Amino acid sequence: MTATIITSHEGLFGIKGSIAALKRGDSGLDALEHGIKMIEDDHRARTVGFGGAPNILGRMQCDASVMDGATLRAGAVGAIEGCRYPFSAARKVMEVLPHVFLAGEGASRFAREVGIEQHDMLSAEAKKGYGAWLEANLTPDQRASLHDIPLAPFISFMTKPD
């Protein structure tokens, strides 16, 4: 059997873990989860997990999804908070619920209930970067009323790479 693993540049670190897991006989999903956990734990990864950037309000909310190619079953979580391994939460949605997608507090609560480790997902580096972004792009008055001002005009600035 041949396995294909596709990732962005930030996933290269995790692929090595996935390959090692496949070589020792882990299932494809277990190997994938192993590699993704490595990336979710890596503070240098800027698009996912612990190193990822917070949303425009400074809250660290993560998304993850998975599909089993053999069964076509899928699971996903969106805007999950405090969950160290969002991919594992998405996998649990796929494996134990009749649903495909959970979001927000429901996703966060589900992750806690199924025993997925909880963790403050906003790294010091990401928090510092967010503060610098606020300082560079919003006036003091806008920063003081961040929860009350229209945010759509700032989204394109927020999503520009470093």
N, C-alpha and C. Protein backbone atom coordinates (compact mmCIF):
# COMPACT_ATOMS: atom_id res chain seq x y z
N MET A 1 0.84 -1.18 0.00
CA MET A 1 0.00 0.00 0.00
C MET A 1 0.89 1.24 0.00
N THR A 2 0.49 2.24 -0.75
CA THR A 2 1.21 3.49 -0.83
C THR A 2 0.43 4.57 -0.10
N ALA A 3 1.13 5.36 0.68
CA ALA A 3 0.50 6.47 1.40
C ALA A 3 0.97 7.77 0.80
N THR A 4 0.08 8.73 0.70
CA THR A 4 0.41 10.06 0.23
C THR A 4 0.05 11.05 1.32
N ILE A 5 0.99 11.90 1.66
CA ILE A 5 0.76 12.93 2.67
C ILE A 5 1.03 14.27 2.00
N ILE A 6 0.05 15.16 2.07
CA ILE A 6 0.16 16.48 1.46
C ILE A 6 0.05 17.52 2.57
N THR A 7 0.89 18.53 2.50
CA THR A 7 0.86 19.58 3.53
C THR A 7 1.37 20.89 2.96
N SER A 8 1.14 21.95 3.71
CA SER A 8 1.77 23.24 3.41
C SER A 8 3.18 23.20 3.99
N HIS A 9 3.92 24.26 3.79
CA HIS A 9 5.29 24.31 4.32
C HIS A 9 5.33 24.14 5.84
N GLU A 10 4.30 24.59 6.54
CA GLU A 10 4.31 24.47 8.00
C GLU A 10 4.09 23.04 8.48
N GLY A 11 3.63 22.17 7.61
CA GLY A 11 3.38 20.80 8.00
C GLY A 11 4.57 19.87 7.80
N LEU A 12 5.64 20.37 7.23
CA LEU A 12 6.79 19.50 6.93
C LEU A 12 7.34 18.82 8.18
N PHE A 13 7.37 19.53 9.27
CA PHE A 13 7.86 18.98 10.53
C PHE A 13 7.03 17.77 10.96
N GLY A 14 5.71 17.89 10.84
CA GLY A 14 4.82 16.82 11.26
C GLY A 14 4.83 15.61 10.35
N ILE A 15 5.14 15.82 9.06
CA ILE A 15 5.17 14.69 8.13
C ILE A 15 6.17 13.63 8.59
N LYS A 16 7.28 14.07 9.11
CA LYS A 16 8.28 13.11 9.59
C LYS A 16 7.69 12.22 10.68
N GLY A 17 6.91 12.81 11.57
CA GLY A 17 6.26 12.02 12.62
C GLY A 17 5.21 11.09 12.06
N SER A 18 4.47 11.55 11.06
CA SER A 18 3.46 10.70 10.42
C SER A 18 4.10 9.52 9.70
N ILE A 19 5.19 9.78 9.01
CA ILE A 19 5.89 8.70 8.30
C ILE A 19 6.42 7.67 9.28
N ALA A 20 7.00 8.14 10.38
CA ALA A 20 7.51 7.22 11.40
C ALA A 20 6.37 6.36 11.96
N ALA A 21 5.21 6.98 12.18
CA ALA A 21 4.06 6.24 12.72
C ALA A 21 3.58 5.20 11.71
N LEU A 22 3.55 5.54 10.43
CA LEU A 22 3.14 4.57 9.40
C LEU A 22 4.13 3.40 9.34
N LYS A 23 5.41 3.71 9.44
CA LYS A 23 6.43 2.66 9.39
C LYS A 23 6.33 1.69 10.56
N ARG A 24 5.86 2.17 11.70
CA ARG A 24 5.72 1.26 12.84
C ARG A 24 4.36 0.54 12.83
N GLY A 25 3.54 0.81 11.79
CA GLY A 25 2.30 0.07 11.63
C GLY A 25 1.04 0.76 12.10
N ASP A 26 1.14 2.03 12.50
CA ASP A 26 -0.07 2.76 12.91
C ASP A 26 -1.03 2.89 11.72
N SER A 27 -2.31 3.04 12.01
CA SER A 27 -3.29 3.28 10.95
C SER A 27 -3.01 4.65 10.32
N GLY A 28 -3.57 4.86 9.14
CA GLY A 28 -3.39 6.14 8.48
C GLY A 28 -3.89 7.31 9.31
N LEU A 29 -5.07 7.16 9.93
CA LEU A 29 -5.60 8.24 10.77
C LEU A 29 -4.74 8.47 12.02
N ASP A 30 -4.26 7.39 12.62
CA ASP A 30 -3.39 7.55 13.79
C ASP A 30 -2.09 8.25 13.41
N ALA A 31 -1.53 7.88 12.27
CA ALA A 31 -0.29 8.50 11.81
C ALA A 31 -0.51 9.97 11.49
N LEU A 32 -1.61 10.28 10.84
CA LEU A 32 -1.95 11.66 10.53
C LEU A 32 -2.10 12.47 11.81
N GLU A 33 -2.84 11.93 12.76
CA GLU A 33 -3.05 12.64 14.02
C GLU A 33 -1.72 12.86 14.76
N HIS A 34 -0.85 11.87 14.72
CA HIS A 34 0.46 11.99 15.38
C HIS A 34 1.23 13.17 14.78
N GLY A 35 1.28 13.24 13.47
CA GLY A 35 2.01 14.33 12.81
C GLY A 35 1.37 15.69 13.05
N ILE A 36 0.06 15.74 13.01
CA ILE A 36 -0.63 17.01 13.21
C ILE A 36 -0.45 17.50 14.64
N LYS A 37 -0.45 16.60 15.61
CA LYS A 37 -0.20 17.02 17.00
C LYS A 37 1.18 17.69 17.12
N MET A 38 2.14 17.18 16.38
CA MET A 38 3.48 17.78 16.42
C MET A 38 3.42 19.23 15.93
N ILE A 39 2.63 19.47 14.90
CA ILE A 39 2.51 20.83 14.36
C ILE A 39 1.67 21.69 15.30
N GLU A 40 0.59 21.14 15.83
CA GLU A 40 -0.25 21.90 16.76
C GLU A 40 0.52 22.33 18.01
N ASP A 41 1.54 21.57 18.39
CA ASP A 41 2.38 21.90 19.54
C ASP A 41 3.51 22.87 19.21
N ASP A 42 3.81 23.07 17.95
CA ASP A 42 4.97 23.84 17.54
C ASP A 42 4.66 25.33 17.53
N HIS A 43 5.28 26.07 18.43
CA HIS A 43 5.01 27.51 18.54
C HIS A 43 5.48 28.28 17.31
N ARG A 44 6.29 27.67 16.46
CA ARG A 44 6.77 28.35 15.25
C ARG A 44 5.74 28.31 14.12
N ALA A 45 4.79 27.38 14.19
CA ALA A 45 3.76 27.30 13.16
C ALA A 45 2.80 28.47 13.35
N ARG A 46 2.65 29.30 12.34
CA ARG A 46 1.86 30.52 12.48
C ARG A 46 0.41 30.38 12.02
N THR A 47 0.07 29.25 11.42
CA THR A 47 -1.29 29.13 10.89
C THR A 47 -2.15 28.15 11.67
N VAL A 48 -1.57 27.38 12.57
CA VAL A 48 -2.35 26.39 13.32
C VAL A 48 -1.83 26.27 14.75
N GLY A 49 -2.67 25.74 15.60
CA GLY A 49 -2.26 25.34 16.94
C GLY A 49 -1.66 26.43 17.80
N PHE A 50 -0.78 26.03 18.69
CA PHE A 50 -0.23 26.89 19.74
C PHE A 50 0.48 28.13 19.19
N GLY A 51 1.11 28.04 18.06
CA GLY A 51 1.81 29.20 17.50
C GLY A 51 0.96 30.07 16.61
N GLY A 52 -0.27 29.65 16.36
CA GLY A 52 -1.13 30.37 15.44
C GLY A 52 -1.53 31.75 15.94
N ALA A 53 -1.96 32.56 15.01
CA ALA A 53 -2.38 33.91 15.34
C ALA A 53 -3.80 33.91 15.90
N PRO A 54 -4.07 34.81 16.84
CA PRO A 54 -5.43 34.93 17.36
C PRO A 54 -6.33 35.61 16.34
N ASN A 55 -7.63 35.58 16.60
CA ASN A 55 -8.54 36.29 15.71
C ASN A 55 -8.41 37.79 15.94
N ILE A 56 -9.17 38.57 15.23
CA ILE A 56 -9.02 40.03 15.28
C ILE A 56 -9.33 40.61 16.66
N LEU A 57 -10.05 39.87 17.49
CA LEU A 57 -10.34 40.31 18.85
C LEU A 57 -9.32 39.81 19.86
N GLY A 58 -8.29 39.10 19.37
CA GLY A 58 -7.25 38.61 20.25
C GLY A 58 -7.55 37.27 20.89
N ARG A 59 -8.62 36.61 20.48
CA ARG A 59 -8.98 35.30 21.02
C ARG A 59 -8.41 34.21 20.14
N MET A 60 -7.82 33.22 20.76
CA MET A 60 -7.26 32.09 20.02
C MET A 60 -8.37 31.07 19.80
N GLN A 61 -8.85 30.98 18.59
CA GLN A 61 -9.88 30.03 18.20
C GLN A 61 -9.32 29.20 17.05
N CYS A 62 -9.44 27.90 17.16
CA CYS A 62 -8.87 27.00 16.16
C CYS A 62 -9.98 26.25 15.41
N ASP A 63 -9.66 25.83 14.21
CA ASP A 63 -10.53 25.01 13.38
C ASP A 63 -9.76 23.77 12.97
N ALA A 64 -10.46 22.68 12.75
CA ALA A 64 -9.82 21.46 12.25
C ALA A 64 -10.89 20.57 11.62
N SER A 65 -10.47 19.79 10.66
CA SER A 65 -11.39 18.82 10.05
C SER A 65 -10.62 17.58 9.62
N VAL A 66 -11.37 16.52 9.46
CA VAL A 66 -10.77 15.25 9.04
C VAL A 66 -11.82 14.46 8.25
N MET A 67 -11.35 13.69 7.30
CA MET A 67 -12.24 12.76 6.59
C MET A 67 -11.51 11.44 6.43
N ASP A 68 -12.18 10.38 6.73
CA ASP A 68 -11.64 9.03 6.53
C ASP A 68 -11.96 8.63 5.10
N GLY A 69 -10.94 8.50 4.26
CA GLY A 69 -11.14 8.18 2.86
C GLY A 69 -11.77 6.83 2.63
N ALA A 70 -11.57 5.90 3.55
CA ALA A 70 -12.14 4.56 3.38
C ALA A 70 -13.65 4.54 3.63
N THR A 71 -14.10 5.32 4.62
CA THR A 71 -15.52 5.30 4.99
C THR A 71 -16.28 6.54 4.54
N LEU A 72 -15.56 7.58 4.17
CA LEU A 72 -16.09 8.89 3.81
C LEU A 72 -16.79 9.58 4.98
N ARG A 73 -16.55 9.10 6.19
CA ARG A 73 -17.05 9.79 7.38
C ARG A 73 -16.15 10.99 7.64
N ALA A 74 -16.74 12.06 8.20
CA ALA A 74 -15.98 13.28 8.43
C ALA A 74 -16.34 13.88 9.78
N GLY A 75 -15.44 14.69 10.29
CA GLY A 75 -15.67 15.43 11.52
C GLY A 75 -14.92 16.74 11.47
N ALA A 76 -15.48 17.75 12.10
CA ALA A 76 -14.84 19.06 12.10
C ALA A 76 -15.23 19.84 13.34
N VAL A 77 -14.33 20.75 13.73
CA VAL A 77 -14.61 21.71 14.79
C VAL A 77 -14.23 23.09 14.29
N GLY A 78 -14.95 24.09 14.75
CA GLY A 78 -14.66 25.47 14.37
C GLY A 78 -14.73 26.37 15.58
N ALA A 79 -13.86 27.36 15.60
CA ALA A 79 -13.82 28.35 16.68
C ALA A 79 -13.72 27.68 18.05
N ILE A 80 -12.97 26.59 18.11
CA ILE A 80 -12.79 25.87 19.37
C ILE A 80 -11.72 26.61 20.19
N GLU A 81 -11.95 26.72 21.49
CA GLU A 81 -11.02 27.44 22.36
C GLU A 81 -10.53 26.54 23.48
N GLY A 82 -9.28 26.73 23.87
CA GLY A 82 -8.71 26.03 25.00
C GLY A 82 -8.41 24.57 24.76
N CYS A 83 -8.48 24.13 23.55
CA CYS A 83 -8.26 22.73 23.20
C CYS A 83 -6.86 22.59 22.60
N ARG A 84 -6.01 21.83 23.25
CA ARG A 84 -4.63 21.70 22.79
C ARG A 84 -4.53 21.02 21.42
N TYR A 85 -5.42 20.09 21.14
CA TYR A 85 -5.34 19.34 19.89
C TYR A 85 -6.66 19.39 19.13
N PRO A 86 -6.91 20.48 18.41
CA PRO A 86 -8.17 20.60 17.66
C PRO A 86 -8.41 19.46 16.67
N PHE A 87 -7.35 18.95 16.04
CA PHE A 87 -7.54 17.85 15.10
C PHE A 87 -8.11 16.63 15.82
N SER A 88 -7.61 16.36 17.02
CA SER A 88 -8.12 15.22 17.79
C SER A 88 -9.60 15.42 18.12
N ALA A 89 -10.00 16.67 18.39
CA ALA A 89 -11.42 16.95 18.65
C ALA A 89 -12.25 16.68 17.39
N ALA A 90 -11.75 17.09 16.23
CA ALA A 90 -12.47 16.84 14.98
C ALA A 90 -12.59 15.33 14.73
N ARG A 91 -11.52 14.61 15.01
CA ARG A 91 -11.57 13.15 14.83
C ARG A 91 -12.61 12.52 15.75
N LYS A 92 -12.67 12.99 17.00
CA LYS A 92 -13.67 12.45 17.93
C LYS A 92 -15.08 12.77 17.47
N VAL A 93 -15.30 13.95 16.89
CA VAL A 93 -16.61 14.26 16.33
C VAL A 93 -16.96 13.20 15.30
N MET A 94 -16.02 12.89 14.42
CA MET A 94 -16.25 11.89 13.37
C MET A 94 -16.54 10.51 13.96
N GLU A 95 -15.82 10.15 15.00
CA GLU A 95 -15.90 8.79 15.52
C GLU A 95 -17.07 8.53 16.47
N VAL A 96 -17.49 9.55 17.23
CA VAL A 96 -18.48 9.26 18.27
C VAL A 96 -19.81 9.98 18.14
N LEU A 97 -19.90 10.95 17.27
CA LEU A 97 -21.15 11.71 17.17
C LEU A 97 -21.87 11.44 15.84
N PRO A 98 -23.17 11.65 15.82
CA PRO A 98 -23.90 11.57 14.56
C PRO A 98 -23.74 12.85 13.74
N HIS A 99 -23.04 13.83 14.29
CA HIS A 99 -22.82 15.11 13.64
C HIS A 99 -21.53 15.10 12.84
N VAL A 100 -21.35 16.11 12.00
CA VAL A 100 -20.11 16.27 11.25
C VAL A 100 -19.34 17.48 11.78
N PHE A 101 -20.04 18.48 12.29
CA PHE A 101 -19.39 19.74 12.62
C PHE A 101 -19.93 20.32 13.92
N LEU A 102 -19.01 20.69 14.81
CA LEU A 102 -19.34 21.41 16.04
C LEU A 102 -18.54 22.70 16.06
N ALA A 103 -19.13 23.77 16.59
CA ALA A 103 -18.43 25.05 16.61
C ALA A 103 -18.60 25.75 17.95
N GLY A 104 -17.67 26.66 18.21
CA GLY A 104 -17.74 27.52 19.38
C GLY A 104 -17.73 26.77 20.69
N GLU A 105 -18.55 27.25 21.62
CA GLU A 105 -18.58 26.66 22.96
C GLU A 105 -18.98 25.19 22.93
N GLY A 106 -19.85 24.81 22.01
CA GLY A 106 -20.23 23.39 21.90
C GLY A 106 -19.05 22.52 21.54
N ALA A 107 -18.20 22.98 20.64
CA ALA A 107 -17.00 22.23 20.26
C ALA A 107 -16.02 22.18 21.43
N SER A 108 -15.86 23.31 22.11
CA SER A 108 -14.94 23.36 23.25
C SER A 108 -15.40 22.43 24.38
N ARG A 109 -16.68 22.46 24.65
CA ARG A 109 -17.24 21.59 25.70
C ARG A 109 -17.08 20.12 25.33
N PHE A 110 -17.39 19.78 24.08
CA PHE A 110 -17.24 18.40 23.62
C PHE A 110 -15.80 17.93 23.81
N ALA A 111 -14.84 18.74 23.44
CA ALA A 111 -13.43 18.35 23.59
C ALA A 111 -13.09 18.07 25.04
N ARG A 112 -13.58 18.90 25.94
CA ARG A 112 -13.34 18.66 27.37
C ARG A 112 -13.99 17.35 27.81
N GLU A 113 -15.24 17.13 27.36
CA GLU A 113 -15.98 15.94 27.78
C GLU A 113 -15.33 14.64 27.30
N VAL A 114 -14.69 14.67 26.15
CA VAL A 114 -14.06 13.44 25.64
C VAL A 114 -12.60 13.34 26.07
N GLY A 115 -12.16 14.24 26.94
CA GLY A 115 -10.85 14.13 27.56
C GLY A 115 -9.68 14.67 26.76
N ILE A 116 -9.94 15.51 25.79
CA ILE A 116 -8.83 16.09 25.05
C ILE A 116 -8.19 17.19 25.91
N GLU A 117 -6.89 17.14 25.99
CA GLU A 117 -6.14 18.04 26.85
C GLU A 117 -6.48 19.50 26.58
N GLN A 118 -6.63 20.25 27.67
CA GLN A 118 -6.92 21.68 27.57
C GLN A 118 -5.63 22.47 27.76
N HIS A 119 -5.55 23.61 27.09
CA HIS A 119 -4.32 24.40 27.13
C HIS A 119 -4.62 25.81 26.64
N ASP A 120 -3.97 26.80 27.22
CA ASP A 120 -4.06 28.16 26.68
C ASP A 120 -3.31 28.16 25.36
N MET A 121 -4.01 28.37 24.27
CA MET A 121 -3.40 28.22 22.95
C MET A 121 -2.74 29.48 22.42
N LEU A 122 -2.78 30.57 23.14
CA LEU A 122 -2.15 31.80 22.69
C LEU A 122 -0.72 31.85 23.19
N SER A 123 0.23 31.60 22.30
CA SER A 123 1.64 31.62 22.68
C SER A 123 2.09 33.05 22.95
N ALA A 124 3.18 33.18 23.67
CA ALA A 124 3.72 34.50 23.97
C ALA A 124 4.08 35.23 22.68
N GLU A 125 4.64 34.50 21.71
CA GLU A 125 5.02 35.10 20.43
C GLU A 125 3.80 35.62 19.68
N ALA A 126 2.73 34.82 19.65
CA ALA A 126 1.52 35.23 18.94
C ALA A 126 0.86 36.42 19.65
N LYS A 127 0.87 36.41 20.96
CA LYS A 127 0.30 37.53 21.72
C LYS A 127 1.08 38.81 21.44
N LYS A 128 2.39 38.71 21.40
CA LYS A 128 3.24 39.86 21.11
C LYS A 128 2.97 40.37 19.69
N GLY A 129 2.87 39.45 18.74
CA GLY A 129 2.59 39.84 17.36
C GLY A 129 1.24 40.51 17.22
N TYR A 130 0.25 40.01 17.92
CA TYR A 130 -1.08 40.61 17.89
C TYR A 130 -1.04 42.03 18.46
N GLY A 131 -0.34 42.19 19.58
CA GLY A 131 -0.20 43.52 20.18
C GLY A 131 0.47 44.50 19.23
N ALA A 132 1.52 44.03 18.54
CA ALA A 132 2.21 44.88 17.57
C ALA A 132 1.29 45.24 16.41
N TRP A 133 0.47 44.27 15.97
CA TRP A 133 -0.47 44.54 14.88
C TRP A 133 -1.49 45.60 15.31
N LEU A 134 -2.03 45.46 16.53
CA LEU A 134 -2.98 46.45 17.03
C LEU A 134 -2.35 47.84 17.05
N GLU A 135 -1.15 47.91 17.58
CA GLU A 135 -0.44 49.18 17.71
C GLU A 135 -0.20 49.83 16.35
N ALA A 136 0.14 49.02 15.36
CA ALA A 136 0.48 49.55 14.03
C ALA A 136 -0.74 49.89 13.18
N ASN A 137 -1.90 49.27 13.45
CA ASN A 137 -3.03 49.39 12.54
C ASN A 137 -4.26 50.08 13.10
N LEU A 138 -4.34 50.24 14.40
CA LEU A 138 -5.51 50.87 15.00
C LEU A 138 -5.09 52.07 15.84
N THR A 139 -5.93 53.06 15.85
CA THR A 139 -5.67 54.23 16.69
C THR A 139 -5.92 53.85 18.15
N PRO A 140 -5.44 54.66 19.08
CA PRO A 140 -5.73 54.38 20.49
C PRO A 140 -7.24 54.29 20.77
N ASP A 141 -8.03 55.16 20.14
CA ASP A 141 -9.49 55.12 20.35
C ASP A 141 -10.07 53.82 19.81
N GLN A 142 -9.59 53.36 18.64
CA GLN A 142 -10.09 52.10 18.08
C GLN A 142 -9.71 50.93 18.97
N ARG A 143 -8.49 50.93 19.49
CA ARG A 143 -8.07 49.85 20.38
C ARG A 143 -8.91 49.83 21.65
N ALA A 144 -9.25 50.99 22.16
CA ALA A 144 -10.05 51.08 23.39
C ALA A 144 -11.47 50.58 23.19
N SER A 145 -11.98 50.68 21.96
CA SER A 145 -13.37 50.26 21.69
C SER A 145 -13.42 49.10 20.70
N LEU A 146 -12.43 48.25 20.72
CA LEU A 146 -12.30 47.15 19.76
C LEU A 146 -13.55 46.28 19.65
N HIS A 147 -14.20 46.05 20.76
CA HIS A 147 -15.37 45.17 20.75
C HIS A 147 -16.63 45.88 20.24
N ASP A 148 -16.54 47.17 19.98
CA ASP A 148 -17.71 47.92 19.55
C ASP A 148 -17.59 48.53 18.15
N ILE A 149 -16.42 48.48 17.55
CA ILE A 149 -16.25 49.11 16.23
C ILE A 149 -16.41 48.08 15.11
N PRO A 150 -16.75 48.51 13.91
CA PRO A 150 -16.80 47.59 12.77
C PRO A 150 -15.39 47.04 12.49
N LEU A 151 -15.28 45.73 12.39
CA LEU A 151 -13.98 45.10 12.20
C LEU A 151 -13.67 44.70 10.76
N ALA A 152 -14.70 44.61 9.93
CA ALA A 152 -14.49 44.17 8.54
C ALA A 152 -13.39 44.95 7.82
N PRO A 153 -13.27 46.26 8.00
CA PRO A 153 -12.21 46.98 7.29
C PRO A 153 -10.80 46.55 7.67
N PHE A 154 -10.64 45.90 8.80
CA PHE A 154 -9.31 45.52 9.27
C PHE A 154 -8.92 44.08 8.93
N ILE A 155 -9.87 43.29 8.46
CA ILE A 155 -9.61 41.86 8.23
C ILE A 155 -8.47 41.64 7.24
N SER A 156 -8.45 42.38 6.13
CA SER A 156 -7.40 42.15 5.14
C SER A 156 -6.03 42.48 5.72
N PHE A 157 -5.95 43.47 6.60
CA PHE A 157 -4.66 43.78 7.23
C PHE A 157 -4.25 42.69 8.21
N MET A 158 -5.23 42.13 8.91
CA MET A 158 -4.97 41.10 9.92
C MET A 158 -4.43 39.83 9.30
N THR A 159 -4.85 39.52 8.08
CA THR A 159 -4.48 38.24 7.47
C THR A 159 -3.24 38.31 6.60
N LYS A 160 -2.62 39.46 6.50
CA LYS A 160 -1.38 39.56 5.72
C LYS A 160 -0.27 38.84 6.47
N PRO A 161 0.57 38.08 5.75
CA PRO A 161 1.67 37.38 6.42
C PRO A 161 2.69 38.37 6.99
N ASP A 162 3.46 37.89 7.95
CA ASP A 162 4.49 38.74 8.59
C ASP A 162 5.44 39.31 7.57
